[in-house]
PDB file of N, CA and C in Angstrom:
ATOM      1  N   MET A   1     -14.150  13.438   7.301  1.00  0.00           N
ATOM      2  CA  MET A   1     -15.015  12.301   7.614  1.00  0.00           C
ATOM      3  C   MET A   1     -14.180  11.243   8.302  1.00  0.00           C
ATOM      4  N   SER A   2     -14.739  10.634   9.349  1.00  0.00           N
ATOM      5  CA  SER A   2     -14.046   9.559  10.025  1.00  0.00           C
ATOM      6  C   SER A   2     -14.614   8.228   9.534  1.00  0.00           C
ATOM      7  N   GLU A   3     -13.721   7.234   9.452  1.00  0.00           N
ATOM      8  CA  GLU A   3     -14.147   5.909   9.016  1.00  0.00           C
ATOM      9  C   GLU A   3     -13.218   4.857   9.544  1.00  0.00           C
ATOM     10  N   MET A   4     -13.710   3.648   9.586  1.00  0.00           N
ATOM     11  CA  MET A   4     -12.949   2.475   9.977  1.00  0.00           C
ATOM     12  C   MET A   4     -13.091   1.431   8.878  1.00  0.00           C
ATOM     13  N   GLN A   5     -11.949   0.814   8.529  1.00  0.00           N
ATOM     14  CA  GLN A   5     -11.978  -0.263   7.545  1.00  0.00           C
ATOM     15  C   GLN A   5     -11.299  -1.476   8.121  1.00  0.00           C
ATOM     16  N   PHE A   6     -11.972  -2.616   8.086  1.00  0.00           N
ATOM     17  CA  PHE A   6     -11.418  -3.864   8.568  1.00  0.00           C
ATOM     18  C   PHE A   6     -10.653  -4.503   7.405  1.00  0.00           C
ATOM     19  N   LEU A   7      -9.329  -4.469   7.482  1.00  0.00           N
ATOM     20  CA  LEU A   7      -8.507  -4.972   6.403  1.00  0.00           C
ATOM     21  C   LEU A   7      -8.452  -6.510   6.450  1.00  0.00           C
ATOM     22  N   ASP A   8      -8.552  -7.164   5.292  1.00  0.00           N
ATOM     23  CA  ASP A   8      -8.536  -8.608   5.254  1.00  0.00           C
ATOM     24  C   ASP A   8      -7.272  -9.150   5.893  1.00  0.00           C
ATOM     25  N   ASP A   9      -7.461 -10.104   6.805  1.00  0.00           N
ATOM     26  CA  ASP A   9      -6.333 -10.782   7.481  1.00  0.00           C
ATOM     27  C   ASP A   9      -5.384  -9.809   8.154  1.00  0.00           C
ATOM     28  N   GLY A  10      -5.887  -8.652   8.597  1.00  0.00           N
ATOM     29  CA  GLY A  10      -5.020  -7.637   9.195  1.00  0.00           C
ATOM     30  C   GLY A  10      -5.735  -6.707  10.134  1.00  0.00           C
ATOM     31  N   PRO A  11      -5.177  -5.528  10.325  1.00  0.00           N
ATOM     32  CA  PRO A  11      -5.694  -4.595  11.322  1.00  0.00           C
ATOM     33  C   PRO A  11      -6.926  -3.831  10.877  1.00  0.00           C
ATOM     34  N   ILE A  12      -7.405  -2.988  11.773  1.00  0.00           N
ATOM     35  CA  ILE A  12      -8.451  -2.020  11.471  1.00  0.00           C
ATOM     36  C   ILE A  12      -7.750  -0.731  11.100  1.00  0.00           C
ATOM     37  N   LEU A  13      -8.117  -0.136   9.990  1.00  0.00           N
ATOM     38  CA  LEU A  13      -7.590   1.156   9.574  1.00  0.00           C
ATOM     39  C   LEU A  13      -8.586   2.208  10.029  1.00  0.00           C
ATOM     40  N   ALA A  14      -8.203   3.062  10.974  1.00  0.00           N
ATOM     41  CA  ALA A  14      -9.067   4.113  11.494  1.00  0.00           C
ATOM     42  C   ALA A  14      -8.552   5.439  10.939  1.00  0.00           C
ATOM     43  N   LYS A  15      -9.450   6.174  10.280  1.00  0.00           N
ATOM     44  CA  LYS A  15      -9.056   7.461   9.674  1.00  0.00           C
ATOM     45  C   LYS A  15      -9.878   8.580  10.312  1.00  0.00           C
ATOM     46  N   GLY A  16      -9.177   9.658  10.698  1.00  0.00           N
ATOM     47  CA  GLY A  16      -9.845  10.847  11.226  1.00  0.00           C
ATOM     48  C   GLY A  16     -10.565  10.648  12.529  1.00  0.00           C
ATOM     49  N   MET A  17     -10.045   9.784  13.392  1.00  0.00           N
ATOM     50  CA  MET A  17     -10.710   9.475  14.663  1.00  0.00           C
ATOM     51  C   MET A  17      -9.861   9.908  15.860  1.00  0.00           C
ATOM     52  N   THR A  18     -10.518  10.229  16.939  1.00  0.00           N
ATOM     53  CA  THR A  18      -9.843  10.484  18.194  1.00  0.00           C
ATOM     54  C   THR A  18      -9.857   9.163  18.957  1.00  0.00           C
ATOM     55  N   LEU A  19      -8.669   8.703  19.387  1.00  0.00           N
ATOM     56  CA  LEU A  19      -8.561   7.463  20.165  1.00  0.00           C
ATOM     57  C   LEU A  19      -8.447   7.785  21.619  1.00  0.00           C
ATOM     58  N   LEU A  20      -9.226   7.066  22.454  1.00  0.00           N
ATOM     59  CA  LEU A  20      -9.218   7.249  23.909  1.00  0.00           C
ATOM     60  C   LEU A  20      -8.793   5.939  24.555  1.00  0.00           C
ATOM     61  N   ASP A  21      -8.016   6.058  25.654  1.00  0.00           N
ATOM     62  CA  ASP A  21      -7.627   4.853  26.393  1.00  0.00           C
ATOM     63  C   ASP A  21      -8.779   4.422  27.310  1.00  0.00           C
ATOM     64  N   GLY A  22      -8.588   3.379  28.092  1.00  0.00           N
ATOM     65  CA  GLY A  22      -9.626   2.837  28.961  1.00  0.00           C
ATOM     66  C   GLY A  22     -10.123   3.817  29.995  1.00  0.00           C
ATOM     67  N   ALA A  23      -9.323   4.829  30.346  1.00  0.00           N
ATOM     68  CA  ALA A  23      -9.723   5.819  31.318  1.00  0.00           C
ATOM     69  C   ALA A  23     -10.318   7.085  30.649  1.00  0.00           C
ATOM     70  N   GLY A  24     -10.427   7.042  29.328  1.00  0.00           N
ATOM     71  CA  GLY A  24     -10.994   8.190  28.602  1.00  0.00           C
ATOM     72  C   GLY A  24      -9.997   9.252  28.239  1.00  0.00           C
ATOM     73  N   ASN A  25      -8.709   8.986  28.430  1.00  0.00           N
ATOM     74  CA  ASN A  25      -7.670   9.956  28.071  1.00  0.00           C
ATOM     75  C   ASN A  25      -7.327   9.867  26.568  1.00  0.00           C
ATOM     76  N   LYS A  26      -7.150  11.015  25.962  1.00  0.00           N
ATOM     77  CA  LYS A  26      -6.846  11.044  24.539  1.00  0.00           C
ATOM     78  C   LYS A  26      -5.461  10.465  24.298  1.00  0.00           C
ATOM     79  N   MET A  27      -5.403   9.560  23.303  1.00  0.00           N
ATOM     80  CA  MET A  27      -4.119   8.940  22.944  1.00  0.00           C
ATOM     81  C   MET A  27      -3.539   9.661  21.738  1.00  0.00           C
ATOM     82  N   GLU A  28      -2.219   9.667  21.673  1.00  0.00           N
ATOM     83  CA  GLU A  28      -1.560  10.259  20.514  1.00  0.00           C
ATOM     84  C   GLU A  28      -1.825   9.378  19.296  1.00  0.00           C
ATOM     85  N   ALA A  29      -2.296  10.015  18.226  1.00  0.00           N
ATOM     86  CA  ALA A  29      -2.589   9.262  16.990  1.00  0.00           C
ATOM     87  C   ALA A  29      -2.400  10.172  15.799  1.00  0.00           C
ATOM     88  N   LYS A  30      -2.084   9.581  14.684  1.00  0.00           N
ATOM     89  CA  LYS A  30      -1.955  10.316  13.447  1.00  0.00           C
ATOM     90  C   LYS A  30      -3.316  10.318  12.730  1.00  0.00           C
ATOM     91  N   GLU A  31      -3.381  10.955  11.576  1.00  0.00           N
ATOM     92  CA  GLU A  31      -4.633  10.984  10.798  1.00  0.00           C
ATOM     93  C   GLU A  31      -5.120   9.566  10.490  1.00  0.00           C
ATOM     94  N   GLU A  32      -4.185   8.639  10.269  1.00  0.00           N
ATOM     95  CA  GLU A  32      -4.543   7.229  10.051  1.00  0.00           C
ATOM     96  C   GLU A  32      -3.855   6.389  11.128  1.00  0.00           C
ATOM     97  N   ALA A  33      -4.602   5.465  11.693  1.00  0.00           N
ATOM     98  CA  ALA A  33      -4.050   4.561  12.711  1.00  0.00           C
ATOM     99  C   ALA A  33      -4.434   3.132  12.327  1.00  0.00           C
ATOM    100  N   TYR A  34      -3.472   2.232  12.377  1.00  0.00           N
ATOM    101  CA  TYR A  34      -3.700   0.824  12.128  1.00  0.00           C
ATOM    102  C   TYR A  34      -3.812   0.158  13.494  1.00  0.00           C
ATOM    103  N   LEU A  35      -4.985  -0.344  13.812  1.00  0.00           N
ATOM    104  CA  LEU A  35      -5.254  -0.894  15.135  1.00  0.00           C
ATOM    105  C   LEU A  35      -5.272  -2.425  15.118  1.00  0.00           C
ATOM    106  N   CYS A  36      -4.539  -3.032  16.049  1.00  0.00           N
ATOM    107  CA  CYS A  36      -4.432  -4.480  16.156  1.00  0.00           C
ATOM    108  C   CYS A  36      -5.807  -5.087  16.435  1.00  0.00           C
ATOM    109  N   ARG A  37      -6.110  -6.174  15.755  1.00  0.00           N
ATOM    110  CA  ARG A  37      -7.298  -6.944  16.112  1.00  0.00           C
ATOM    111  C   ARG A  37      -7.003  -8.434  16.289  1.00  0.00           C
ATOM    112  N   CYS A  38      -5.738  -8.810  16.143  1.00  0.00           N
ATOM    113  CA  CYS A  38      -5.388 -10.221  16.312  1.00  0.00           C
ATOM    114  C   CYS A  38      -4.897 -10.510  17.740  1.00  0.00           C
ATOM    115  N   GLY A  39      -4.460  -9.465  18.464  1.00  0.00           N
ATOM    116  CA  GLY A  39      -3.963  -9.641  19.817  1.00  0.00           C
ATOM    117  C   GLY A  39      -2.480  -9.982  19.914  1.00  0.00           C
ATOM    118  N   LEU A  40      -1.768 -10.051  18.794  1.00  0.00           N
ATOM    119  CA  LEU A  40      -0.365 -10.437  18.811  1.00  0.00           C
ATOM    120  C   LEU A  40       0.620  -9.281  18.858  1.00  0.00           C
ATOM    121  N   SER A  41       0.177  -8.069  18.651  1.00  0.00           N
ATOM    122  CA  SER A  41       1.078  -6.903  18.604  1.00  0.00           C
ATOM    123  C   SER A  41       1.673  -6.622  19.963  1.00  0.00           C
ATOM    124  N   ASP A  42       2.954  -6.260  19.971  1.00  0.00           N
ATOM    125  CA  ASP A  42       3.623  -5.806  21.183  1.00  0.00           C
ATOM    126  C   ASP A  42       3.414  -4.312  21.396  1.00  0.00           C
ATOM    127  N   ASN A  43       2.711  -3.666  20.482  1.00  0.00           N
ATOM    128  CA  ASN A  43       2.499  -2.224  20.507  1.00  0.00           C
ATOM    129  C   ASN A  43       1.015  -1.888  20.552  1.00  0.00           C
ATOM    130  N   LYS A  44       0.215  -2.686  21.260  1.00  0.00           N
ATOM    131  CA  LYS A  44      -1.233  -2.471  21.324  1.00  0.00           C
ATOM    132  C   LYS A  44      -1.548  -1.066  21.845  1.00  0.00           C
ATOM    133  N   PRO A  45      -2.542  -0.424  21.300  1.00  0.00           N
ATOM    134  CA  PRO A  45      -3.563  -0.915  20.393  1.00  0.00           C
ATOM    135  C   PRO A  45      -3.170  -0.884  18.944  1.00  0.00           C
ATOM    136  N   TYR A  46      -1.927  -0.480  18.636  1.00  0.00           N
ATOM    137  CA  TYR A  46      -1.496  -0.326  17.267  1.00  0.00           C
ATOM    138  C   TYR A  46      -0.932  -1.654  16.733  1.00  0.00           C
ATOM    139  N   CYS A  47      -1.095  -1.859  15.442  1.00  0.00           N
ATOM    140  CA  CYS A  47      -0.621  -3.066  14.742  1.00  0.00           C
ATOM    141  C   CYS A  47       0.894  -2.936  14.482  1.00  0.00           C
ATOM    142  N   ASN A  48       1.607  -4.036  14.700  1.00  0.00           N
ATOM    143  CA  ASN A  48       3.043  -4.034  14.372  1.00  0.00           C
ATOM    144  C   ASN A  48       3.382  -5.110  13.330  1.00  0.00           C
ATOM    145  N   GLY A  49       2.328  -5.706  12.717  1.00  0.00           N
ATOM    146  CA  GLY A  49       2.531  -6.692  11.672  1.00  0.00           C
ATOM    147  C   GLY A  49       2.704  -8.118  12.173  1.00  0.00           C
ATOM    148  N   ALA A  50       2.571  -8.354  13.472  1.00  0.00           N
ATOM    149  CA  ALA A  50       2.750  -9.696  14.051  1.00  0.00           C
ATOM    150  C   ALA A  50       1.689 -10.697  13.552  1.00  0.00           C
ATOM    151  N   HIS A  51       0.615 -10.206  12.966  1.00  0.00           N
ATOM    152  CA  HIS A  51      -0.473 -11.082  12.510  1.00  0.00           C
ATOM    153  C   HIS A  51      -0.150 -11.828  11.234  1.00  0.00           C
ATOM    154  N   LYS A  52       0.853 -11.404  10.503  1.00  0.00           N
ATOM    155  CA  LYS A  52       1.102 -11.963   9.174  1.00  0.00           C
ATOM    156  C   LYS A  52       1.278 -13.485   9.250  1.00  0.00           C
ATOM    157  N   GLY A  53       0.430 -14.189   8.519  1.00  0.00           N
ATOM    158  CA  GLY A  53       0.459 -15.631   8.460  1.00  0.00           C
ATOM    159  C   GLY A  53      -0.156 -16.316   9.676  1.00  0.00           C
ATOM    160  N   LYS A  54      -0.669 -15.530  10.634  1.00  0.00           N
ATOM    161  CA  LYS A  54      -1.207 -16.123  11.879  1.00  0.00           C
ATOM    162  C   LYS A  54      -2.653 -15.676  12.179  1.00  0.00           C
ATOM    163  N   PHE A  55      -3.239 -14.899  11.284  1.00  0.00           N
ATOM    164  CA  PHE A  55      -4.578 -14.348  11.553  1.00  0.00           C
ATOM    165  C   PHE A  55      -5.382 -14.359  10.263  1.00  0.00           C
ATOM    166  N   ASP A  56      -6.556 -14.955  10.335  1.00  0.00           N
ATOM    167  CA  ASP A  56      -7.463 -15.029   9.178  1.00  0.00           C
ATOM    168  C   ASP A  56      -8.792 -14.374   9.530  1.00  0.00           C
ATOM    169  N   SER A  57      -9.150 -13.350   8.766  1.00  0.00           N
ATOM    170  CA  SER A  57     -10.448 -12.718   8.943  1.00  0.00           C
ATOM    171  C   SER A  57     -10.770 -11.853   7.754  1.00  0.00           C
ATOM    172  N   ASP A  58     -11.849 -12.192   7.097  1.00  0.00           N
ATOM    173  CA  ASP A  58     -12.342 -11.379   5.970  1.00  0.00           C
ATOM    174  C   ASP A  58     -13.737 -10.908   6.344  1.00  0.00           C
ATOM    175  N   VAL A  59     -13.829  -9.638   6.778  1.00  0.00           N
ATOM    176  CA  VAL A  59     -15.079  -9.063   7.212  1.00  0.00           C
ATOM    177  C   VAL A  59     -15.843  -8.514   6.007  1.00  0.00           C
ATOM    178  N   ARG A  60     -17.087  -8.875   5.874  1.00  0.00           N
ATOM    179  CA  ARG A  60     -17.929  -8.400   4.777  1.00  0.00           C
ATOM    180  C   ARG A  60     -19.275  -7.947   5.334  1.00  0.00           C
ATOM    181  N   ALA A  61     -19.813  -6.888   4.777  1.00  0.00           N
ATOM    182  CA  ALA A  61     -21.109  -6.381   5.244  1.00  0.00           C
ATOM    183  C   ALA A  61     -22.213  -7.299   4.756  1.00  0.00           C
TER     184      ALA A  61
END
């Protein structure tokens, strides 16, 4: 099963998903990928922890 979880004050945790770049090419990814949503990572689309103390977001359904 594939799922995405928006972690409090942090990245999106994507499990069991195929990631595609802007041109539709498959990107290398592991079973779990932490995706940046703050825009501060130097390793986009992946999170590198640059958000710590600089990004606030608690997503609730």
